[in-house]
PDB file of N, CA and C in Angstrom:
ATOM      1  N   MET A   1     -55.200 -21.790   1.785  1.00  0.00           N
ATOM      2  CA  MET A   1     -56.168 -20.715   1.682  1.00  0.00           C
ATOM      3  C   MET A   1     -55.463 -19.360   1.733  1.00  0.00           C
ATOM      4  N   TRP A   2     -54.468 -19.248   2.602  1.00  0.00           N
ATOM      5  CA  TRP A   2     -53.750 -17.990   2.723  1.00  0.00           C
ATOM      6  C   TRP A   2     -53.066 -17.628   1.418  1.00  0.00           C
ATOM      7  N   LYS A   3     -52.595 -18.653   0.704  1.00  0.00           N
ATOM      8  CA  LYS A   3     -51.920 -18.426  -0.569  1.00  0.00           C
ATOM      9  C   LYS A   3     -52.871 -17.778  -1.576  1.00  0.00           C
ATOM     10  N   LYS A   4     -54.118 -18.221  -1.612  1.00  0.00           N
ATOM     11  CA  LYS A   4     -55.112 -17.647  -2.516  1.00  0.00           C
ATOM     12  C   LYS A   4     -55.414 -16.198  -2.160  1.00  0.00           C
ATOM     13  N   ILE A   5     -55.533 -15.929  -0.883  1.00  0.00           N
ATOM     14  CA  ILE A   5     -55.843 -14.573  -0.435  1.00  0.00           C
ATOM     15  C   ILE A   5     -54.680 -13.633  -0.737  1.00  0.00           C
ATOM     16  N   SER A   6     -53.469 -14.077  -0.447  1.00  0.00           N
ATOM     17  CA  SER A   6     -52.316 -13.206  -0.681  1.00  0.00           C
ATOM     18  C   SER A   6     -52.083 -12.976  -2.168  1.00  0.00           C
ATOM     19  N   SER A   7     -52.452 -13.938  -3.014  1.00  0.00           N
ATOM     20  CA  SER A   7     -52.273 -13.750  -4.450  1.00  0.00           C
ATOM     21  C   SER A   7     -53.222 -12.691  -5.004  1.00  0.00           C
ATOM     22  N   LEU A   8     -54.325 -12.470  -4.350  1.00  0.00           N
ATOM     23  CA  LEU A   8     -55.257 -11.437  -4.784  1.00  0.00           C
ATOM     24  C   LEU A   8     -54.665 -10.044  -4.608  1.00  0.00           C
ATOM     25  N   PHE A   9     -53.844  -9.871  -3.592  1.00  0.00           N
ATOM     26  CA  PHE A   9     -53.316  -8.557  -3.275  1.00  0.00           C
ATOM     27  C   PHE A   9     -51.898  -8.322  -3.774  1.00  0.00           C
ATOM     28  N   SER A  10     -51.254  -9.367  -4.261  1.00  0.00           N
ATOM     29  CA  SER A  10     -49.876  -9.183  -4.737  1.00  0.00           C
ATOM     30  C   SER A  10     -49.896  -8.532  -6.113  1.00  0.00           C
ATOM     31  N   LYS A  11     -48.925  -7.678  -6.327  1.00  0.00           N
ATOM     32  CA  LYS A  11     -48.820  -7.000  -7.615  1.00  0.00           C
ATOM     33  C   LYS A  11     -48.094  -7.905  -8.594  1.00  0.00           C
ATOM     34  N   LYS A  12     -48.558  -7.899  -9.814  1.00  0.00           N
ATOM     35  CA  LYS A  12     -47.915  -8.689 -10.849  1.00  0.00           C
ATOM     36  C   LYS A  12     -46.829  -7.856 -11.515  1.00  0.00           C
ATOM     37  N   THR A  13     -45.802  -8.531 -11.950  1.00  0.00           N
ATOM     38  CA  THR A  13     -44.728  -7.841 -12.636  1.00  0.00           C
ATOM     39  C   THR A  13     -45.187  -7.488 -14.043  1.00  0.00           C
ATOM     40  N   LYS A  14     -44.425  -6.635 -14.685  1.00  0.00           N
ATOM     41  CA  LYS A  14     -44.753  -6.239 -16.055  1.00  0.00           C
ATOM     42  C   LYS A  14     -44.715  -7.459 -16.974  1.00  0.00           C
ATOM     43  N   LEU A  15     -43.766  -8.341 -16.728  1.00  0.00           N
ATOM     44  CA  LEU A  15     -43.641  -9.556 -17.533  1.00  0.00           C
ATOM     45  C   LEU A  15     -44.883 -10.425 -17.399  1.00  0.00           C
ATOM     46  N   GLU A  16     -45.368 -10.611 -16.198  1.00  0.00           N
ATOM     47  CA  GLU A  16     -46.569 -11.426 -15.966  1.00  0.00           C
ATOM     48  C   GLU A  16     -47.796 -10.805 -16.633  1.00  0.00           C
ATOM     49  N   ARG A  17     -47.907  -9.489 -16.550  1.00  0.00           N
ATOM     50  CA  ARG A  17     -49.049  -8.816 -17.186  1.00  0.00           C
ATOM     51  C   ARG A  17     -49.007  -8.979 -18.704  1.00  0.00           C
ATOM     52  N   LEU A  18     -47.815  -8.825 -19.283  1.00  0.00           N
ATOM     53  CA  LEU A  18     -47.681  -8.966 -20.727  1.00  0.00           C
ATOM     54  C   LEU A  18     -47.982 -10.393 -21.177  1.00  0.00           C
ATOM     55  N   GLN A  19     -47.521 -11.374 -20.412  1.00  0.00           N
ATOM     56  CA  GLN A  19     -47.776 -12.766 -20.759  1.00  0.00           C
ATOM     57  C   GLN A  19     -49.270 -13.088 -20.688  1.00  0.00           C
ATOM     58  N   LYS A  20     -49.934 -12.552 -19.690  1.00  0.00           N
ATOM     59  CA  LYS A  20     -51.370 -12.786 -19.552  1.00  0.00           C
ATOM     60  C   LYS A  20     -52.133 -12.120 -20.701  1.00  0.00           C
ATOM     61  N   GLU A  21     -51.743 -10.905 -21.056  1.00  0.00           N
ATOM     62  CA  GLU A  21     -52.395 -10.198 -22.158  1.00  0.00           C
ATOM     63  C   GLU A  21     -52.151 -10.908 -23.488  1.00  0.00           C
ATOM     64  N   GLN A  22     -50.932 -11.426 -23.677  1.00  0.00           N
ATOM     65  CA  GLN A  22     -50.617 -12.150 -24.902  1.00  0.00           C
ATOM     66  C   GLN A  22     -51.470 -13.412 -25.012  1.00  0.00           C
ATOM     67  N   ALA A  23     -51.602 -14.140 -23.924  1.00  0.00           N
ATOM     68  CA  ALA A  23     -52.421 -15.352 -23.933  1.00  0.00           C
ATOM     69  C   ALA A  23     -53.877 -15.014 -24.249  1.00  0.00           C
ATOM     70  N   SER A  24     -54.356 -13.915 -23.696  1.00  0.00           N
ATOM     71  CA  SER A  24     -55.725 -13.486 -23.957  1.00  0.00           C
ATOM     72  C   SER A  24     -55.931 -13.145 -25.437  1.00  0.00           C
ATOM     73  N   LEU A  25     -54.964 -12.442 -26.011  1.00  0.00           N
ATOM     74  CA  LEU A  25     -55.070 -12.081 -27.430  1.00  0.00           C
ATOM     75  C   LEU A  25     -55.046 -13.320 -28.330  1.00  0.00           C
ATOM     76  N   LEU A  26     -54.196 -14.276 -27.994  1.00  0.00           N
ATOM     77  CA  LEU A  26     -54.123 -15.487 -28.802  1.00  0.00           C
ATOM     78  C   LEU A  26     -55.419 -16.302 -28.695  1.00  0.00           C
ATOM     79  N   LYS A  27     -56.019 -16.290 -27.523  1.00  0.00           N
ATOM     80  CA  LYS A  27     -57.301 -16.986 -27.342  1.00  0.00           C
ATOM     81  C   LYS A  27     -58.389 -16.308 -28.175  1.00  0.00           C
ATOM     82  N   LYS A  28     -58.417 -14.972 -28.145  1.00  0.00           N
ATOM     83  CA  LYS A  28     -59.381 -14.235 -28.954  1.00  0.00           C
ATOM     84  C   LYS A  28     -59.164 -14.498 -30.437  1.00  0.00           C
ATOM     85  N   ALA A  29     -57.900 -14.561 -30.846  1.00  0.00           N
ATOM     86  CA  ALA A  29     -57.579 -14.826 -32.250  1.00  0.00           C
ATOM     87  C   ALA A  29     -58.111 -16.191 -32.670  1.00  0.00           C
ATOM     88  N   TYR A  30     -57.929 -17.163 -31.817  1.00  0.00           N
ATOM     89  CA  TYR A  30     -58.419 -18.514 -32.129  1.00  0.00           C
ATOM     90  C   TYR A  30     -59.943 -18.543 -32.234  1.00  0.00           C
ATOM     91  N   LEU A  31     -60.599 -17.872 -31.298  1.00  0.00           N
ATOM     92  CA  LEU A  31     -62.062 -17.893 -31.286  1.00  0.00           C
ATOM     93  C   LEU A  31     -62.667 -17.147 -32.481  1.00  0.00           C
ATOM     94  N   THR A  32     -62.014 -16.083 -32.930  1.00  0.00           N
ATOM     95  CA  THR A  32     -62.567 -15.309 -34.041  1.00  0.00           C
ATOM     96  C   THR A  32     -62.086 -15.800 -35.408  1.00  0.00           C
ATOM     97  N   SER A  33     -61.160 -16.740 -35.416  1.00  0.00           N
ATOM     98  CA  SER A  33     -60.578 -17.187 -36.689  1.00  0.00           C
ATOM     99  C   SER A  33     -61.608 -17.848 -37.606  1.00  0.00           C
ATOM    100  N   THR A  34     -62.630 -18.436 -37.039  1.00  0.00           N
ATOM    101  CA  THR A  34     -63.643 -19.082 -37.880  1.00  0.00           C
ATOM    102  C   THR A  34     -64.657 -18.088 -38.431  1.00  0.00           C
ATOM    103  N   ASN A  35     -64.785 -16.939 -37.767  1.00  0.00           N
ATOM    104  CA  ASN A  35     -65.786 -15.958 -38.180  1.00  0.00           C
ATOM    105  C   ASN A  35     -65.213 -14.831 -39.036  1.00  0.00           C
ATOM    106  N   ASN A  36     -64.082 -14.284 -38.600  1.00  0.00           N
ATOM    107  CA  ASN A  36     -63.527 -13.125 -39.283  1.00  0.00           C
ATOM    108  C   ASN A  36     -62.004 -13.198 -39.241  1.00  0.00           C
ATOM    109  N   ARG A  37     -61.430 -13.594 -40.344  1.00  0.00           N
ATOM    110  CA  ARG A  37     -59.991 -13.815 -40.406  1.00  0.00           C
ATOM    111  C   ARG A  37     -59.200 -12.518 -40.202  1.00  0.00           C
ATOM    112  N   LYS A  38     -59.719 -11.409 -40.681  1.00  0.00           N
ATOM    113  CA  LYS A  38     -59.010 -10.136 -40.565  1.00  0.00           C
ATOM    114  C   LYS A  38     -58.855  -9.730 -39.099  1.00  0.00           C
ATOM    115  N   ILE A  39     -59.900  -9.851 -38.324  1.00  0.00           N
ATOM    116  CA  ILE A  39     -59.839  -9.522 -36.898  1.00  0.00           C
ATOM    117  C   ILE A  39     -58.897 -10.485 -36.185  1.00  0.00           C
ATOM    118  N   SER A  40     -58.978 -11.755 -36.547  1.00  0.00           N
ATOM    119  CA  SER A  40     -58.097 -12.755 -35.958  1.00  0.00           C
ATOM    120  C   SER A  40     -56.629 -12.424 -36.230  1.00  0.00           C
ATOM    121  N   ASP A  41     -56.328 -12.021 -37.445  1.00  0.00           N
ATOM    122  CA  ASP A  41     -54.959 -11.651 -37.792  1.00  0.00           C
ATOM    123  C   ASP A  41     -54.476 -10.438 -37.001  1.00  0.00           C
ATOM    124  N   ASN A  42     -55.378  -9.498 -36.742  1.00  0.00           N
ATOM    125  CA  ASN A  42     -55.015  -8.330 -35.928  1.00  0.00           C
ATOM    126  C   ASN A  42     -54.663  -8.735 -34.496  1.00  0.00           C
ATOM    127  N   TYR A  43     -55.416  -9.677 -33.932  1.00  0.00           N
ATOM    128  CA  TYR A  43     -55.111 -10.172 -32.590  1.00  0.00           C
ATOM    129  C   TYR A  43     -53.745 -10.857 -32.567  1.00  0.00           C
ATOM    130  N   VAL A  44     -53.474 -11.649 -33.589  1.00  0.00           N
ATOM    131  CA  VAL A  44     -52.184 -12.339 -33.655  1.00  0.00           C
ATOM    132  C   VAL A  44     -51.050 -11.330 -33.786  1.00  0.00           C
ATOM    133  N   LYS A  45     -51.259 -10.298 -34.574  1.00  0.00           N
ATOM    134  CA  LYS A  45     -50.236  -9.265 -34.753  1.00  0.00           C
ATOM    135  C   LYS A  45     -49.929  -8.577 -33.422  1.00  0.00           C
ATOM    136  N   LYS A  46     -50.974  -8.230 -32.675  1.00  0.00           N
ATOM    137  CA  LYS A  46     -50.771  -7.599 -31.367  1.00  0.00           C
ATOM    138  C   LYS A  46     -50.059  -8.549 -30.406  1.00  0.00           C
ATOM    139  N   ALA A  47     -50.420  -9.827 -30.451  1.00  0.00           N
ATOM    140  CA  ALA A  47     -49.781 -10.822 -29.585  1.00  0.00           C
ATOM    141  C   ALA A  47     -48.306 -10.964 -29.939  1.00  0.00           C
ATOM    142  N   ASN A  48     -47.972 -10.889 -31.215  1.00  0.00           N
ATOM    143  CA  ASN A  48     -46.576 -10.982 -31.628  1.00  0.00           C
ATOM    144  C   ASN A  48     -45.765  -9.771 -31.162  1.00  0.00           C
ATOM    145  N   LEU A  49     -46.388  -8.597 -31.167  1.00  0.00           N
ATOM    146  CA  LEU A  49     -45.712  -7.411 -30.646  1.00  0.00           C
ATOM    147  C   LEU A  49     -45.433  -7.560 -29.150  1.00  0.00           C
ATOM    148  N   LEU A  50     -46.394  -8.122 -28.435  1.00  0.00           N
ATOM    149  CA  LEU A  50     -46.183  -8.361 -27.009  1.00  0.00           C
ATOM    150  C   LEU A  50     -45.092  -9.408 -26.790  1.00  0.00           C
ATOM    151  N   ALA A  51     -45.026 -10.402 -27.673  1.00  0.00           N
ATOM    152  CA  ALA A  51     -43.990 -11.424 -27.557  1.00  0.00           C
ATOM    153  C   ALA A  51     -42.601 -10.807 -27.705  1.00  0.00           C
ATOM    154  N   GLU A  52     -42.480  -9.834 -28.581  1.00  0.00           N
ATOM    155  CA  GLU A  52     -41.197  -9.144 -28.739  1.00  0.00           C
ATOM    156  C   GLU A  52     -40.823  -8.397 -27.463  1.00  0.00           C
ATOM    157  N   GLU A  53     -41.802  -7.730 -26.856  1.00  0.00           N
ATOM    158  CA  GLU A  53     -41.543  -7.023 -25.598  1.00  0.00           C
ATOM    159  C   GLU A  53     -41.147  -8.002 -24.500  1.00  0.00           C
ATOM    160  N   ILE A  54     -41.826  -9.146 -24.455  1.00  0.00           N
ATOM    161  CA  ILE A  54     -41.523 -10.170 -23.458  1.00  0.00           C
ATOM    162  C   ILE A  54     -40.094 -10.673 -23.646  1.00  0.00           C
ATOM    163  N   ASP A  55     -39.704 -10.909 -24.891  1.00  0.00           N
ATOM    164  CA  ASP A  55     -38.338 -11.367 -25.175  1.00  0.00           C
ATOM    165  C   ASP A  55     -37.303 -10.350 -24.720  1.00  0.00           C
ATOM    166  N   ILE A  56     -37.586  -9.075 -24.931  1.00  0.00           N
ATOM    167  CA  ILE A  56     -36.654  -8.020 -24.520  1.00  0.00           C
ATOM    168  C   ILE A  56     -36.520  -8.018 -22.999  1.00  0.00           C
ATOM    169  N   ILE A  57     -37.627  -8.128 -22.299  1.00  0.00           N
ATOM    170  CA  ILE A  57     -37.581  -8.126 -20.828  1.00  0.00           C
ATOM    171  C   ILE A  57     -36.811  -9.331 -20.322  1.00  0.00           C
ATOM    172  N   ILE A  58     -37.072 -10.499 -20.875  1.00  0.00           N
ATOM    173  CA  ILE A  58     -36.375 -11.716 -20.449  1.00  0.00           C
ATOM    174  C   ILE A  58     -34.883 -11.598 -20.752  1.00  0.00           C
ATOM    175  N   HIS A  59     -34.559 -11.086 -21.918  1.00  0.00           N
ATOM    176  CA  HIS A  59     -33.149 -10.927 -22.290  1.00  0.00           C
ATOM    177  C   HIS A  59     -32.441  -9.954 -21.357  1.00  0.00           C
ATOM    178  N   ASN A  60     -33.092  -8.862 -21.007  1.00  0.00           N
ATOM    179  CA  ASN A  60     -32.501  -7.884 -20.088  1.00  0.00           C
ATOM    180  C   ASN A  60     -32.320  -8.466 -18.693  1.00  0.00           C
ATOM    181  N   ASN A  61     -33.263  -9.282 -18.239  1.00  0.00           N
ATOM    182  CA  ASN A  61     -33.154  -9.893 -16.917  1.00  0.00           C
ATOM    183  C   ASN A  61     -32.028 -10.902 -16.869  1.00  0.00           C
ATOM    184  N   ASN A  62     -31.782 -11.602 -17.965  1.00  0.00           N
ATOM    185  CA  ASN A  62     -30.722 -12.604 -17.994  1.00  0.00           C
ATOM    186  C   ASN A  62     -29.350 -11.962 -18.027  1.00  0.00           C
ATOM    187  N   ASN A  63     -29.239 -10.754 -18.578  1.00  0.00           N
ATOM    188  CA  ASN A  63     -27.961 -10.081 -18.680  1.00  0.00           C
ATOM    189  C   ASN A  63     -27.564  -9.358 -17.394  1.00  0.00           C
ATOM    190  N   GLN A  64     -28.467  -9.181 -16.490  1.00  0.00           N
ATOM    191  CA  GLN A  64     -28.160  -8.430 -15.265  1.00  0.00           C
ATOM    192  C   GLN A  64     -27.486  -9.274 -14.252  1.00  0.00           C
TER     193      GLN A  64
END
């Protein structure tokens, strides 16, 4: 129980926030793909940009 409570107050790293946002965008892209392909493609494009940022952060962390 303490673990759940402490997770509410802990700050997420930039990497965790970007990964969560990317997952959200990909989910939105999947859900809208049957209705409006153009909007779905925009979500995928934004998710790919976030993936590039995530790769840069991971690469920088590995080099340190």
